[in-house]
Amino acid sequence: MAPPVEDNVLNVTGYRVYWKRQNDQWESARSATFMIDQQDPLDRNGFRLTRVRVEGLEPGTPYEFAGTALNSAGEGTRSTAISRRTSEASAPQPAEVKSRMDSQYPDKYLLRWVVTSNGGSPINKYMIRWRKINFSNTIPPEIVGHTPWQTVSVEPPGNDEYKVDDLEPQSDYELEMVAYNRIGGSAPTRIQFKTAYGTKPPRPDRVGAAVGQSCNQVLLASVALLSTARLWL
């Protein structure tokens, strides 16, 4: 958007955009305010060209849009409406991983991500799978071996991270992630990461088994001592 070309007007500081479905009345229109960013490019008249992003529209639906300019005096006259039709719903865009490629933990990796577009339909799950890989000593190194895939399903809403655990210390892993909506799945996002040097903590179930075994050994030792004491008596 660009401000109207007029003389002796106050500097435009932002815009208010109005939109509605094509067959609705303007009284039911929604609106959003967008302030001018001084980093926006200039048009041929020296005014800032501001890009606005209207979200929450329905796929495959005709809309009408109009705008007003804002300055310190208030809101200007609404512009002539333009008509646009949103594209049909599609599979989501691939997730963009925000995590580091080297884990700070020896036995787990915290995966964080964002999805820039859900394709016009809410994301209903993420499928994540990973496996340990071995590299050759060649340049560039190549994958020469791997363990079987392990797979989990993570369901939104609000989920944008997942802790991959029970990993081996100082090891290389390959991970794939696919976002799904009602249309289908995105192209897979693939990354490789490495766990940190250290010792892998024992699993809680193994700790419980070890404690139980120690208790049994103590109990058997106590019974043996009691039997020996009775023999001496």
C-alpha atoms as a PDB file:
ATOM      1  CA  MET A   1       0.000   0.000   0.000  1.00  0.00           C
ATOM      2  CA  ALA A   2       1.068   3.614  -0.586  1.00  0.00           C
ATOM      3  CA  PRO A   3      -0.417   6.889   0.737  1.00  0.00           C
ATOM      4  CA  PRO A   4      -2.480   9.209  -1.496  1.00  0.00           C
ATOM      5  CA  VAL A   5      -0.525  11.858  -3.379  1.00  0.00           C
ATOM      6  CA  GLU A   6      -1.719  15.158  -1.882  1.00  0.00           C
ATOM      7  CA  ASP A   7      -0.062  18.441  -0.979  1.00  0.00           C
ATOM      8  CA  ASN A   8       0.085  19.929   2.516  1.00  0.00           C
ATOM      9  CA  VAL A   9      -0.863  16.750   4.386  1.00  0.00           C
ATOM     10  CA  LEU A  10       0.612  15.258   7.511  1.00  0.00           C
ATOM     11  CA  ASN A  11       2.918  12.289   7.124  1.00  0.00           C
ATOM     12  CA  VAL A  12       1.114   8.985   6.888  1.00  0.00           C
ATOM     13  CA  THR A  13       2.084   6.714   9.787  1.00  0.00           C
ATOM     14  CA  GLY A  14       0.101   3.598   8.945  1.00  0.00           C
ATOM     15  CA  TYR A  15      -2.907   1.989   7.277  1.00  0.00           C
ATOM     16  CA  ARG A  16      -6.103   0.275   8.292  1.00  0.00           C
ATOM     17  CA  VAL A  17      -7.182  -2.537   5.992  1.00  0.00           C
ATOM     18  CA  TYR A  18     -10.825  -3.679   5.796  1.00  0.00           C
ATOM     19  CA  TRP A  19     -11.976  -6.980   4.278  1.00  0.00           C
ATOM     20  CA  LYS A  20     -15.144  -9.032   3.895  1.00  0.00           C
ATOM     21  CA  ARG A  21     -16.539 -11.875   1.838  1.00  0.00           C
ATOM     22  CA  GLN A  22     -17.703 -10.614  -1.512  1.00  0.00           C
ATOM     23  CA  ASN A  23     -21.441 -11.049  -0.785  1.00  0.00           C
ATOM     24  CA  ASP A  24     -21.321  -9.643   2.771  1.00  0.00           C
ATOM     25  CA  GLN A  25     -22.069  -6.057   3.782  1.00  0.00           C
ATOM     26  CA  TRP A  26     -19.267  -3.676   4.725  1.00  0.00           C
ATOM     27  CA  GLU A  27     -20.848  -3.298   8.171  1.00  0.00           C
ATOM     28  CA  SER A  28     -19.644  -6.844   8.904  1.00  0.00           C
ATOM     29  CA  ALA A  29     -16.107  -6.223   7.596  1.00  0.00           C
ATOM     30  CA  ARG A  30     -13.085  -7.006   9.728  1.00  0.00           C
ATOM     31  CA  SER A  31     -10.084  -4.694   9.948  1.00  0.00           C
ATOM     32  CA  ALA A  32      -6.464  -4.601  11.025  1.00  0.00           C
ATOM     33  CA  THR A  33      -3.971  -1.747  11.472  1.00  0.00           C
ATOM     34  CA  PHE A  34      -0.475  -1.838   9.969  1.00  0.00           C
ATOM     35  CA  MET A  35       2.132   0.774  10.881  1.00  0.00           C
ATOM     36  CA  ILE A  36       4.698   1.975   8.337  1.00  0.00           C
ATOM     37  CA  ASP A  37       8.182   0.498   8.676  1.00  0.00           C
ATOM     38  CA  GLN A  38      10.954   2.961   7.840  1.00  0.00           C
ATOM     39  CA  GLN A  39      12.784   0.069   6.136  1.00  0.00           C
ATOM     40  CA  ASP A  40       9.990  -0.279   3.540  1.00  0.00           C
ATOM     41  CA  PRO A  41      10.990   0.722  -0.031  1.00  0.00           C
ATOM     42  CA  LEU A  42       9.961   4.049  -1.567  1.00  0.00           C
ATOM     43  CA  ASP A  43       7.684   4.499  -4.596  1.00  0.00           C
ATOM     44  CA  ARG A  44       8.329   7.003  -7.410  1.00  0.00           C
ATOM     45  CA  ASN A  45       6.702   9.766  -5.357  1.00  0.00           C
ATOM     46  CA  GLY A  46       8.983   9.140  -2.389  1.00  0.00           C
ATOM     47  CA  PHE A  47       6.374   7.431  -0.216  1.00  0.00           C
ATOM     48  CA  ARG A  48       6.911   4.185   1.675  1.00  0.00           C
ATOM     49  CA  LEU A  49       5.391   1.072   0.087  1.00  0.00           C
ATOM     50  CA  THR A  50       4.021  -1.054   2.912  1.00  0.00           C
ATOM     51  CA  ARG A  51       3.209  -4.741   2.483  1.00  0.00           C
ATOM     52  CA  VAL A  52       0.353  -6.044   4.609  1.00  0.00           C
ATOM     53  CA  ARG A  53      -0.550  -9.653   5.352  1.00  0.00           C
ATOM     54  CA  VAL A  54      -4.192 -10.514   6.072  1.00  0.00           C
ATOM     55  CA  GLU A  55      -4.579 -13.866   7.805  1.00  0.00           C
ATOM     56  CA  GLY A  56      -7.496 -16.067   8.796  1.00  0.00           C
ATOM     57  CA  LEU A  57      -9.155 -16.075   5.362  1.00  0.00           C
ATOM     58  CA  GLU A  58     -11.042 -19.092   4.054  1.00  0.00           C
ATOM     59  CA  PRO A  59      -9.543 -20.958   1.084  1.00  0.00           C
ATOM     60  CA  GLY A  60     -11.237 -20.729  -2.325  1.00  0.00           C
ATOM     61  CA  THR A  61     -13.353 -17.714  -1.261  1.00  0.00           C
ATOM     62  CA  PRO A  62     -13.833 -14.322  -3.007  1.00  0.00           C
ATOM     63  CA  TYR A  63     -13.110 -11.291  -0.772  1.00  0.00           C
ATOM     64  CA  GLU A  64     -13.211  -7.514  -1.100  1.00  0.00           C
ATOM     65  CA  PHE A  65     -10.485  -5.322   0.417  1.00  0.00           C
ATOM     66  CA  ALA A  66     -10.300  -1.592   1.093  1.00  0.00           C
ATOM     67  CA  GLY A  67      -7.915   0.605   3.050  1.00  0.00           C
ATOM     68  CA  THR A  68      -7.530   3.941   4.795  1.00  0.00           C
ATOM     69  CA  ALA A  69      -4.418   5.977   5.597  1.00  0.00           C
ATOM     70  CA  LEU A  70      -3.611   7.002   9.178  1.00  0.00           C
ATOM     71  CA  ASN A  71      -1.717   9.999  10.550  1.00  0.00           C
ATOM     72  CA  SER A  72      -1.639  12.063  13.728  1.00  0.00           C
ATOM     73  CA  ALA A  73      -4.961  13.704  12.745  1.00  0.00           C
ATOM     74  CA  GLY A  74      -6.834  10.423  12.448  1.00  0.00           C
ATOM     75  CA  GLU A  75      -8.121   8.102   9.715  1.00  0.00           C
ATOM     76  CA  GLY A  76      -8.595   9.118   6.111  1.00  0.00           C
ATOM     77  CA  THR A  77     -11.257   8.247   3.539  1.00  0.00           C
ATOM     78  CA  ARG A  78     -11.674   4.583   2.634  1.00  0.00           C
ATOM     79  CA  SER A  79     -10.252   3.600  -0.752  1.00  0.00           C
ATOM     80  CA  THR A  80     -12.129   1.939  -3.576  1.00  0.00           C
ATOM     81  CA  ALA A  81     -12.530  -1.779  -2.854  1.00  0.00           C
ATOM     82  CA  ILE A  82     -10.674  -4.408  -4.838  1.00  0.00           C
ATOM     83  CA  SER A  83     -11.769  -8.044  -5.249  1.00  0.00           C
ATOM     84  CA  ARG A  84      -9.504 -11.052  -4.795  1.00  0.00           C
ATOM     85  CA  ARG A  85     -10.146 -14.768  -4.475  1.00  0.00           C
ATOM     86  CA  THR A  86      -8.049 -16.885  -2.117  1.00  0.00           C
ATOM     87  CA  SER A  87      -6.418 -20.015  -3.481  1.00  0.00           C
ATOM     88  CA  GLU A  88      -7.774 -23.475  -2.728  1.00  0.00           C
ATOM     89  CA  ALA A  89      -6.516 -25.342   0.336  1.00  0.00           C
ATOM     90  CA  SER A  90      -3.338 -27.367  -0.122  1.00  0.00           C
ATOM     91  CA  ALA A  91      -0.877 -29.389   1.916  1.00  0.00           C
ATOM     92  CA  PRO A  92       1.196 -27.364   4.410  1.00  0.00           C
ATOM     93  CA  GLN A  93       4.576 -25.877   3.652  1.00  0.00           C
ATOM     94  CA  PRO A  94       7.517 -27.871   5.065  1.00  0.00           C
ATOM     95  CA  ALA A  95       8.403 -27.123   8.670  1.00  0.00           C
ATOM     96  CA  GLU A  96      11.447 -24.942   9.292  1.00  0.00           C
ATOM     97  CA  VAL A  97      13.656 -26.299  12.086  1.00  0.00           C
ATOM     98  CA  LYS A  98      14.875 -23.676  14.562  1.00  0.00           C
ATOM     99  CA  SER A  99      17.027 -25.962  16.752  1.00  0.00           C
ATOM    100  CA  ARG A 100      20.813 -26.156  16.685  1.00  0.00           C
ATOM    101  CA  MET A 101      22.328 -29.057  14.796  1.00  0.00           C
ATOM    102  CA  ASP A 102      24.479 -30.048  17.779  1.00  0.00           C
ATOM    103  CA  SER A 103      22.590 -31.114  20.885  1.00  0.00           C
ATOM    104  CA  GLN A 104      23.759 -29.853  24.263  1.00  0.00           C
ATOM    105  CA  TYR A 105      22.678 -33.175  25.788  1.00  0.00           C
ATOM    106  CA  PRO A 106      24.360 -36.594  25.414  1.00  0.00           C
ATOM    107  CA  ASP A 107      21.094 -38.556  25.337  1.00  0.00           C
ATOM    108  CA  LYS A 108      18.402 -36.258  23.879  1.00  0.00           C
ATOM    109  CA  TYR A 109      17.692 -33.576  21.271  1.00  0.00           C
ATOM    110  CA  LEU A 110      15.173 -30.744  21.638  1.00  0.00           C
ATOM    111  CA  LEU A 111      13.523 -30.233  18.230  1.00  0.00           C
ATOM    112  CA  ARG A 112      11.898 -26.827  17.660  1.00  0.00           C
ATOM    113  CA  TRP A 113      10.167 -25.729  14.453  1.00  0.00           C
ATOM    114  CA  VAL A 114       7.824 -23.268  12.735  1.00  0.00           C
ATOM    115  CA  VAL A 115       5.478 -23.740   9.768  1.00  0.00           C
ATOM    116  CA  THR A 116       5.139 -20.613   7.612  1.00  0.00           C
ATOM    117  CA  SER A 117       1.892 -21.743   5.923  1.00  0.00           C
ATOM    118  CA  ASN A 118      -0.681 -24.402   6.806  1.00  0.00           C
ATOM    119  CA  GLY A 119      -2.002 -24.379   3.216  1.00  0.00           C
ATOM    120  CA  GLY A 120      -5.335 -22.873   4.243  1.00  0.00           C
ATOM    121  CA  SER A 121      -6.298 -25.814   6.457  1.00  0.00           C
ATOM    122  CA  PRO A 122      -5.298 -26.338  10.131  1.00  0.00           C
ATOM    123  CA  ILE A 123      -2.402 -28.707  10.763  1.00  0.00           C
ATOM    124  CA  ASN A 124      -3.658 -31.803  12.576  1.00  0.00           C
ATOM    125  CA  LYS A 125      -0.395 -33.655  13.232  1.00  0.00           C
ATOM    126  CA  TYR A 126       3.350 -33.840  12.710  1.00  0.00           C
ATOM    127  CA  MET A 127       5.048 -37.139  11.932  1.00  0.00           C
ATOM    128  CA  ILE A 128       8.638 -37.213  13.220  1.00  0.00           C
ATOM    129  CA  ARG A 129      11.104 -40.054  12.742  1.00  0.00           C
ATOM    130  CA  TRP A 130      14.812 -40.425  13.466  1.00  0.00           C
ATOM    131  CA  ARG A 131      17.636 -42.971  13.312  1.00  0.00           C
ATOM    132  CA  LYS A 132      21.279 -43.209  14.286  1.00  0.00           C
ATOM    133  CA  ILE A 133      23.661 -43.049  11.306  1.00  0.00           C
ATOM    134  CA  ASN A 134      27.322 -43.872  10.666  1.00  0.00           C
ATOM    135  CA  PHE A 135      29.521 -41.879   8.296  1.00  0.00           C
ATOM    136  CA  SER A 136      32.377 -43.038   6.093  1.00  0.00           C
ATOM    137  CA  ASN A 137      35.879 -41.553   6.360  1.00  0.00           C
ATOM    138  CA  THR A 138      35.697 -40.204   2.808  1.00  0.00           C
ATOM    139  CA  ILE A 139      35.493 -36.548   1.764  1.00  0.00           C
ATOM    140  CA  PRO A 140      32.688 -35.656   1.663  1.00  0.00           C
ATOM    141  CA  PRO A 141      31.511 -38.257   4.209  1.00  0.00           C
ATOM    142  CA  GLU A 142      28.660 -40.566   3.206  1.00  0.00           C
ATOM    143  CA  ILE A 143      26.108 -42.493   5.268  1.00  0.00           C
ATOM    144  CA  VAL A 144      27.300 -46.113   5.343  1.00  0.00           C
ATOM    145  CA  GLY A 145      25.040 -47.542   8.047  1.00  0.00           C
ATOM    146  CA  HIS A 146      22.027 -46.764  10.209  1.00  0.00           C
ATOM    147  CA  THR A 147      19.660 -48.158  12.804  1.00  0.00           C
ATOM    148  CA  PRO A 148      15.904 -48.677  12.109  1.00  0.00           C
ATOM    149  CA  TRP A 149      13.652 -45.607  12.091  1.00  0.00           C
ATOM    150  CA  GLN A 150      11.813 -44.635  15.276  1.00  0.00           C
ATOM    151  CA  THR A 151       8.564 -42.723  14.644  1.00  0.00           C
ATOM    152  CA  VAL A 152       6.202 -40.589  16.747  1.00  0.00           C
ATOM    153  CA  SER A 153       3.080 -38.567  15.966  1.00  0.00           C
ATOM    154  CA  VAL A 154       2.802 -35.104  17.561  1.00  0.00           C
ATOM    155  CA  GLU A 155      -0.624 -33.470  17.548  1.00  0.00           C
ATOM    156  CA  PRO A 156      -1.285 -29.674  17.628  1.00  0.00           C
ATOM    157  CA  PRO A 157      -2.535 -27.211  18.632  1.00  0.00           C
ATOM    158  CA  GLY A 158       0.279 -25.354  20.336  1.00  0.00           C
ATOM    159  CA  ASN A 159       2.980 -27.938  19.737  1.00  0.00           C
ATOM    160  CA  ASP A 160       6.082 -26.522  18.110  1.00  0.00           C
ATOM    161  CA  GLU A 161       8.733 -28.593  19.885  1.00  0.00           C
ATOM    162  CA  TYR A 162       9.441 -32.214  20.730  1.00  0.00           C
ATOM    163  CA  LYS A 163      12.122 -33.884  22.880  1.00  0.00           C
ATOM    164  CA  VAL A 164      13.777 -36.822  21.106  1.00  0.00           C
ATOM    165  CA  ASP A 165      15.223 -38.902  23.932  1.00  0.00           C
ATOM    166  CA  ASP A 166      16.958 -42.222  24.687  1.00  0.00           C
ATOM    167  CA  LEU A 167      19.771 -41.332  22.267  1.00  0.00           C
ATOM    168  CA  GLU A 168      23.401 -42.446  22.328  1.00  0.00           C
ATOM    169  CA  PRO A 169      26.118 -39.960  23.405  1.00  0.00           C
ATOM    170  CA  GLN A 170      28.448 -38.417  20.810  1.00  0.00           C
ATOM    171  CA  SER A 171      26.482 -39.946  17.925  1.00  0.00           C
ATOM    172  CA  ASP A 172      25.127 -38.721  14.602  1.00  0.00           C
ATOM    173  CA  TYR A 173      21.397 -38.866  13.845  1.00  0.00           C
ATOM    174  CA  GLU A 174      19.159 -38.240  10.872  1.00  0.00           C
ATOM    175  CA  LEU A 175      15.663 -36.791  11.430  1.00  0.00           C
ATOM    176  CA  GLU A 176      12.680 -36.298   9.124  1.00  0.00           C
ATOM    177  CA  MET A 177       9.514 -34.336   9.831  1.00  0.00           C
ATOM    178  CA  VAL A 178       6.238 -34.020   7.865  1.00  0.00           C
ATOM    179  CA  ALA A 179       3.334 -31.655   8.680  1.00  0.00           C
ATOM    180  CA  TYR A 180      -0.218 -32.849   7.842  1.00  0.00           C
ATOM    181  CA  ASN A 181      -3.584 -31.178   7.330  1.00  0.00           C
ATOM    182  CA  ARG A 182      -6.832 -32.534   5.874  1.00  0.00           C
ATOM    183  CA  ILE A 183      -5.402 -32.228   2.344  1.00  0.00           C
ATOM    184  CA  GLY A 184      -2.243 -34.234   2.968  1.00  0.00           C
ATOM    185  CA  GLY A 185       1.369 -34.027   4.059  1.00  0.00           C
ATOM    186  CA  SER A 186       4.063 -31.461   3.373  1.00  0.00           C
ATOM    187  CA  ALA A 187       7.367 -32.234   1.741  1.00  0.00           C
ATOM    188  CA  PRO A 188       9.631 -33.761   4.421  1.00  0.00           C
ATOM    189  CA  THR A 189      12.030 -31.574   6.356  1.00  0.00           C
ATOM    190  CA  ARG A 190      15.352 -33.399   6.799  1.00  0.00           C
ATOM    191  CA  ILE A 191      18.158 -32.545   9.204  1.00  0.00           C
ATOM    192  CA  GLN A 192      21.181 -34.221  10.761  1.00  0.00           C
ATOM    193  CA  PHE A 193      22.297 -33.565  14.330  1.00  0.00           C
ATOM    194  CA  LYS A 194      24.900 -34.824  16.771  1.00  0.00           C
ATOM    195  CA  THR A 195      24.536 -35.556  20.479  1.00  0.00           C
ATOM    196  CA  ALA A 196      27.018 -34.192  23.012  1.00  0.00           C
ATOM    197  CA  TYR A 197      29.857 -36.050  24.693  1.00  0.00           C
ATOM    198  CA  GLY A 198      28.903 -37.565  28.041  1.00  0.00           C
ATOM    199  CA  THR A 199      27.335 -40.543  29.775  1.00  0.00           C
ATOM    200  CA  LYS A 200      23.862 -41.766  28.996  1.00  0.00           C
ATOM    201  CA  PRO A 201      21.780 -41.799  32.210  1.00  0.00           C
ATOM    202  CA  PRO A 202      20.103 -45.136  33.038  1.00  0.00           C
ATOM    203  CA  ARG A 203      16.444 -45.463  32.091  1.00  0.00           C
ATOM    204  CA  PRO A 204      13.986 -45.147  35.017  1.00  0.00           C
ATOM    205  CA  ASP A 205      12.622 -48.680  34.480  1.00  0.00           C
ATOM    206  CA  ARG A 206      16.155 -50.084  34.600  1.00  0.00           C
ATOM    207  CA  VAL A 207      16.907 -48.090  37.751  1.00  0.00           C
ATOM    208  CA  GLY A 208      13.764 -49.546  39.331  1.00  0.00           C
ATOM    209  CA  ALA A 209      14.799 -53.060  38.320  1.00  0.00           C
ATOM    210  CA  ALA A 210      18.285 -52.542  39.746  1.00  0.00           C
ATOM    211  CA  VAL A 211      16.868 -51.218  43.030  1.00  0.00           C
ATOM    212  CA  GLY A 212      14.466 -54.140  43.225  1.00  0.00           C
ATOM    213  CA  GLN A 213      17.302 -56.597  42.593  1.00  0.00           C
ATOM    214  CA  SER A 214      19.424 -54.955  45.320  1.00  0.00           C
ATOM    215  CA  CYS A 215      16.536 -55.185  47.788  1.00  0.00           C
ATOM    216  CA  ASN A 216      16.094 -58.863  47.007  1.00  0.00           C
ATOM    217  CA  GLN A 217      19.809 -59.474  47.543  1.00  0.00           C
ATOM    218  CA  VAL A 218      19.700 -57.655  50.884  1.00  0.00           C
ATOM    219  CA  LEU A 219      16.647 -59.686  51.903  1.00  0.00           C
ATOM    220  CA  LEU A 220      18.342 -62.979  50.970  1.00  0.00           C
ATOM    221  CA  ALA A 221      21.473 -61.961  52.878  1.00  0.00           C
ATOM    222  CA  SER A 222      19.370 -61.159  55.945  1.00  0.00           C
ATOM    223  CA  VAL A 223      17.642 -64.542  55.777  1.00  0.00           C
ATOM    224  CA  ALA A 224      21.003 -66.263  55.456  1.00  0.00           C
ATOM    225  CA  LEU A 225      22.389 -64.440  58.513  1.00  0.00           C
ATOM    226  CA  LEU A 226      19.262 -65.248  60.534  1.00  0.00           C
ATOM    227  CA  SER A 227      19.555 -68.947  59.640  1.00  0.00           C
ATOM    228  CA  THR A 228      23.241 -68.968  60.650  1.00  0.00           C
ATOM    229  CA  ALA A 229      22.415 -67.342  63.961  1.00  0.00           C
ATOM    230  CA  ARG A 230      19.786 -69.992  64.711  1.00  0.00           C
ATOM    231  CA  LEU A 231      22.294 -72.769  63.981  1.00  0.00           C
ATOM    232  CA  TRP A 232      24.700 -71.348  66.559  1.00  0.00           C
ATOM    233  CA  LEU A 233      21.939 -71.136  69.117  1.00  0.00           C
END
